[in-house]
C-alpha atoms as a PDB file:
ATOM      1  CA  UNK A   1       0.000   0.000   0.000  1.00  0.00           C
ATOM      2  CA  UNK A   2       1.374   3.409  -0.996  1.00  0.00           C
ATOM      3  CA  UNK A   3       0.769   6.403   1.204  1.00  0.00           C
ATOM      4  CA  UNK A   4       0.745   9.896  -0.291  1.00  0.00           C
ATOM      5  CA  UNK A   5       3.716  11.885   0.955  1.00  0.00           C
ATOM      6  CA  UNK A   6       1.618  14.285   3.023  1.00  0.00           C
ATOM      7  CA  UNK A   7      -0.277  11.506   4.771  1.00  0.00           C
ATOM      8  CA  UNK A   8       2.999   9.726   5.419  1.00  0.00           C
ATOM      9  CA  UNK A   9       4.545  12.862   6.893  1.00  0.00           C
ATOM     10  CA  UNK A  10       1.502  13.326   9.143  1.00  0.00           C
ATOM     11  CA  UNK A  11       1.693   9.709  10.274  1.00  0.00           C
ATOM     12  CA  UNK A  12       5.366  10.141  11.071  1.00  0.00           C
ATOM     13  CA  UNK A  13       4.721  13.243  13.132  1.00  0.00           C
ATOM     14  CA  UNK A  14       1.968  11.764  15.301  1.00  0.00           C
ATOM     15  CA  UNK A  15       4.274   9.630  17.502  1.00  0.00           C
ATOM     16  CA  UNK A  16       6.620  12.600  17.877  1.00  0.00           C
ATOM     17  CA  UNK A  17       3.890  14.936  19.123  1.00  0.00           C
ATOM     18  CA  UNK A  18       4.112  14.024  22.818  1.00  0.00           C
ATOM     19  CA  UNK A  19       7.888  14.293  22.833  1.00  0.00           C
ATOM     20  CA  UNK A  20       8.032  17.363  20.611  1.00  0.00           C
ATOM     21  CA  UNK A  21       5.417  19.165  22.696  1.00  0.00           C
ATOM     22  CA  UNK A  22       7.938  19.141  25.509  1.00  0.00           C
ATOM     23  CA  UNK A  23      10.922  20.088  23.392  1.00  0.00           C
ATOM     24  CA  UNK A  24      10.718  23.369  21.438  1.00  0.00           C
ATOM     25  CA  UNK A  25      13.943  22.566  19.566  1.00  0.00           C
ATOM     26  CA  UNK A  26      12.366  19.447  18.066  1.00  0.00           C
ATOM     27  CA  UNK A  27       9.241  21.370  17.063  1.00  0.00           C
ATOM     28  CA  UNK A  28      11.368  24.073  15.438  1.00  0.00           C
ATOM     29  CA  UNK A  29      13.474  21.519  13.514  1.00  0.00           C
ATOM     30  CA  UNK A  30      10.363  19.784  12.176  1.00  0.00           C
ATOM     31  CA  UNK A  31       8.714  23.086  11.236  1.00  0.00           C
ATOM     32  CA  UNK A  32      11.826  24.328   9.445  1.00  0.00           C
ATOM     33  CA  UNK A  33      12.207  21.085   7.546  1.00  0.00           C
ATOM     34  CA  UNK A  34       8.574  20.838   6.462  1.00  0.00           C
ATOM     35  CA  UNK A  35       8.383  24.532   5.552  1.00  0.00           C
ATOM     36  CA  UNK A  36      11.184  24.201   3.015  1.00  0.00           C
ATOM     37  CA  UNK A  37      11.127  20.568   1.884  1.00  0.00           C
ATOM     38  CA  UNK A  38      10.148  20.212  -1.753  1.00  0.00           C
ATOM     39  CA  UNK A  39       7.386  17.740  -2.450  1.00  0.00           C
ATOM     40  CA  UNK A  40       8.998  14.493  -3.517  1.00  0.00           C
ATOM     41  CA  UNK A  41      12.546  15.639  -2.756  1.00  0.00           C
ATOM     42  CA  UNK A  42      13.139  12.628  -0.545  1.00  0.00           C
ATOM     43  CA  UNK A  43      11.653  10.095  -2.977  1.00  0.00           C
ATOM     44  CA  UNK A  44      13.203   8.240  -5.885  1.00  0.00           C
ATOM     45  CA  UNK A  45      11.754   5.575  -8.146  1.00  0.00           C
ATOM     46  CA  UNK A  46      13.817   2.638  -9.438  1.00  0.00           C
ATOM     47  CA  UNK A  47      13.242   3.904 -12.989  1.00  0.00           C
ATOM     48  CA  UNK A  48      15.072   7.138 -12.177  1.00  0.00           C
ATOM     49  CA  UNK A  49      18.418   5.449 -11.604  1.00  0.00           C
ATOM     50  CA  UNK A  50      20.229   4.280 -14.753  1.00  0.00           C
ATOM     51  CA  UNK A  51      21.970   0.922 -14.297  1.00  0.00           C
ATOM     52  CA  UNK A  52      25.414   2.520 -14.650  1.00  0.00           C
ATOM     53  CA  UNK A  53      24.644   4.909 -11.754  1.00  0.00           C
ATOM     54  CA  UNK A  54      23.738   2.247  -9.168  1.00  0.00           C
ATOM     55  CA  UNK A  55      27.408   1.606  -8.218  1.00  0.00           C
ATOM     56  CA  UNK A  56      27.684   5.314  -7.295  1.00  0.00           C
ATOM     57  CA  UNK A  57      24.731   5.086  -4.885  1.00  0.00           C
ATOM     58  CA  UNK A  58      24.928   3.946  -1.270  1.00  0.00           C
ATOM     59  CA  UNK A  59      21.960   1.609  -0.862  1.00  0.00           C
ATOM     60  CA  UNK A  60      20.632   0.898   2.621  1.00  0.00           C
ATOM     61  CA  UNK A  61      18.250  -1.950   3.366  1.00  0.00           C
ATOM     62  CA  UNK A  62      16.239  -0.703   6.360  1.00  0.00           C
ATOM     63  CA  UNK A  63      14.544  -4.049   7.011  1.00  0.00           C
ATOM     64  CA  UNK A  64      15.500  -6.424   9.802  1.00  0.00           C
ATOM     65  CA  UNK A  65      18.557  -8.652   9.534  1.00  0.00           C
ATOM     66  CA  UNK A  66      16.480 -11.755   8.778  1.00  0.00           C
ATOM     67  CA  UNK A  67      14.812 -10.187   5.746  1.00  0.00           C
ATOM     68  CA  UNK A  68      18.137  -8.807   4.573  1.00  0.00           C
ATOM     69  CA  UNK A  69      19.758 -12.255   4.900  1.00  0.00           C
ATOM     70  CA  UNK A  70      16.993 -13.868   2.808  1.00  0.00           C
ATOM     71  CA  UNK A  71      17.199 -11.390  -0.070  1.00  0.00           C
ATOM     72  CA  UNK A  72      18.332  -7.824  -0.687  1.00  0.00           C
ATOM     73  CA  UNK A  73      19.461  -5.462  -3.411  1.00  0.00           C
ATOM     74  CA  UNK A  74      23.011  -6.536  -4.291  1.00  0.00           C
ATOM     75  CA  UNK A  75      25.517  -4.173  -2.682  1.00  0.00           C
ATOM     76  CA  UNK A  76      23.042  -2.883  -0.090  1.00  0.00           C
ATOM     77  CA  UNK A  77      24.150  -2.530   3.509  1.00  0.00           C
ATOM     78  CA  UNK A  78      21.768  -3.440   6.294  1.00  0.00           C
ATOM     79  CA  UNK A  79      20.949  -0.641   8.721  1.00  0.00           C
ATOM     80  CA  UNK A  80      17.571  -1.360  10.267  1.00  0.00           C
ATOM     81  CA  UNK A  81      15.338   1.727  10.160  1.00  0.00           C
ATOM     82  CA  UNK A  82      15.439   2.084  13.951  1.00  0.00           C
ATOM     83  CA  UNK A  83      19.240   2.214  13.862  1.00  0.00           C
ATOM     84  CA  UNK A  84      19.561   4.898  11.176  1.00  0.00           C
ATOM     85  CA  UNK A  85      20.124   7.770  13.606  1.00  0.00           C
ATOM     86  CA  UNK A  86      22.440   5.809  15.899  1.00  0.00           C
ATOM     87  CA  UNK A  87      24.480   4.619  12.901  1.00  0.00           C
ATOM     88  CA  UNK A  88      24.371   7.883  10.963  1.00  0.00           C
ATOM     89  CA  UNK A  89      28.168   8.070  11.034  1.00  0.00           C
ATOM     90  CA  UNK A  90      28.185   5.169   8.556  1.00  0.00           C
ATOM     91  CA  UNK A  91      25.965   7.040   6.117  1.00  0.00           C
ATOM     92  CA  UNK A  92      27.834   9.257   3.637  1.00  0.00           C
ATOM     93  CA  UNK A  93      26.844  12.851   2.989  1.00  0.00           C
ATOM     94  CA  UNK A  94      28.790  13.227  -0.262  1.00  0.00           C
ATOM     95  CA  UNK A  95      26.817  10.870  -2.495  1.00  0.00           C
ATOM     96  CA  UNK A  96      23.245   9.767  -3.068  1.00  0.00           C
ATOM     97  CA  UNK A  97      21.884   7.391  -0.444  1.00  0.00           C
ATOM     98  CA  UNK A  98      18.810   5.311  -1.257  1.00  0.00           C
ATOM     99  CA  UNK A  99      16.999   3.667   1.656  1.00  0.00           C
ATOM    100  CA  UNK A 100      14.433   0.932   1.161  1.00  0.00           C
ATOM    101  CA  UNK A 101      12.241  -1.481   3.092  1.00  0.00           C
ATOM    102  CA  UNK A 102       9.405  -3.647   1.780  1.00  0.00           C
ATOM    103  CA  UNK A 103       6.913  -0.883   1.025  1.00  0.00           C
ATOM    104  CA  UNK A 104       8.577   2.433   1.839  1.00  0.00           C
ATOM    105  CA  UNK A 105       6.920   3.284   5.156  1.00  0.00           C
ATOM    106  CA  UNK A 106       9.731   2.239   7.528  1.00  0.00           C
ATOM    107  CA  UNK A 107      12.469   3.555   5.261  1.00  0.00           C
ATOM    108  CA  UNK A 108      10.558   6.857   5.090  1.00  0.00           C
ATOM    109  CA  UNK A 109      10.842   7.187   8.865  1.00  0.00           C
ATOM    110  CA  UNK A 110      14.609   6.669   8.713  1.00  0.00           C
ATOM    111  CA  UNK A 111      14.956   9.155   5.854  1.00  0.00           C
ATOM    112  CA  UNK A 112      12.801  11.739   7.640  1.00  0.00           C
ATOM    113  CA  UNK A 113      14.954  11.502  10.761  1.00  0.00           C
ATOM    114  CA  UNK A 114      18.194  11.733   8.769  1.00  0.00           C
ATOM    115  CA  UNK A 115      16.910  14.719   6.803  1.00  0.00           C
ATOM    116  CA  UNK A 116      16.020  16.500  10.020  1.00  0.00           C
ATOM    117  CA  UNK A 117      19.633  15.903  11.082  1.00  0.00           C
ATOM    118  CA  UNK A 118      20.966  17.461   7.879  1.00  0.00           C
ATOM    119  CA  UNK A 119      21.373  14.586   5.430  1.00  0.00           C
ATOM    120  CA  UNK A 120      19.863  16.134   2.307  1.00  0.00           C
ATOM    121  CA  UNK A 121      21.219  13.359   0.076  1.00  0.00           C
ATOM    122  CA  UNK A 122      19.005  10.520   1.395  1.00  0.00           C
ATOM    123  CA  UNK A 123      15.979   9.274  -0.512  1.00  0.00           C
ATOM    124  CA  UNK A 124      13.301   6.637  -0.032  1.00  0.00           C
ATOM    125  CA  UNK A 125      13.132   4.026  -2.783  1.00  0.00           C
ATOM    126  CA  UNK A 126       9.491   4.402  -3.778  1.00  0.00           C
ATOM    127  CA  UNK A 127       7.658   1.057  -3.867  1.00  0.00           C
ATOM    128  CA  UNK A 128      10.402  -0.558  -1.757  1.00  0.00           C
ATOM    129  CA  UNK A 129      12.218  -3.786  -2.454  1.00  0.00           C
ATOM    130  CA  UNK A 130       9.233  -5.514  -4.033  1.00  0.00           C
ATOM    131  CA  UNK A 131       8.684  -2.620  -6.437  1.00  0.00           C
ATOM    132  CA  UNK A 132      12.375  -2.583  -7.329  1.00  0.00           C
ATOM    133  CA  UNK A 133      12.216  -6.271  -8.259  1.00  0.00           C
ATOM    134  CA  UNK A 134       8.919  -5.935 -10.138  1.00  0.00           C
ATOM    135  CA  UNK A 135      10.228  -3.031 -12.203  1.00  0.00           C
ATOM    136  CA  UNK A 136      13.382  -4.827 -13.280  1.00  0.00           C
ATOM    137  CA  UNK A 137      15.889  -4.138 -10.528  1.00  0.00           C
ATOM    138  CA  UNK A 138      19.025  -2.436 -11.830  1.00  0.00           C
ATOM    139  CA  UNK A 139      17.454  -2.419 -15.309  1.00  0.00           C
ATOM    140  CA  UNK A 140      14.270  -0.559 -14.274  1.00  0.00           C
ATOM    141  CA  UNK A 141      15.464   2.634 -15.970  1.00  0.00           C
ATOM    142  CA  UNK A 142      16.103   0.881 -19.300  1.00  0.00           C
ATOM    143  CA  UNK A 143      12.772  -0.980 -19.097  1.00  0.00           C
ATOM    144  CA  UNK A 144      10.663   2.083 -18.206  1.00  0.00           C
ATOM    145  CA  UNK A 145       8.170   3.122 -20.875  1.00  0.00           C
ATOM    146  CA  UNK A 146       7.519   6.540 -19.320  1.00  0.00           C
ATOM    147  CA  UNK A 147       9.287   8.852 -16.866  1.00  0.00           C
ATOM    148  CA  UNK A 148       9.004   7.907 -13.216  1.00  0.00           C
ATOM    149  CA  UNK A 149       7.690  10.185 -10.517  1.00  0.00           C
ATOM    150  CA  UNK A 150       4.565  12.099  -9.808  1.00  0.00           C
END
């Protein structure tokens, strides 16, 4: 199930409300981010990445270790979505970072947190791992019949 970006952002903010209500710095950071974030700036579709560009991208599988062990995008590193902030030192700032899970909802939480912390190079792989496979994996760009996006 795909969630529109605004609904996803609202869903992400609900659990933060109790904490943020007590911390003006958190509220300010969220407000500043959402005021200036471009719609779709943290999303990327498999079709938007040409096969020759994938080796230049840091790919993070945000699913649990068991799912990663069963199957993952070749070359992806496993940083479970809950660990993204704690392991942010492992995430480069100087190249594109694509984060995925099964559907995009958990990876979106990791990307949102990283973007609030200043990583403007991280993106959610729209449609997640299953969508990546269904669209042709590394060849999704070559197989696309129309431009990806919204």
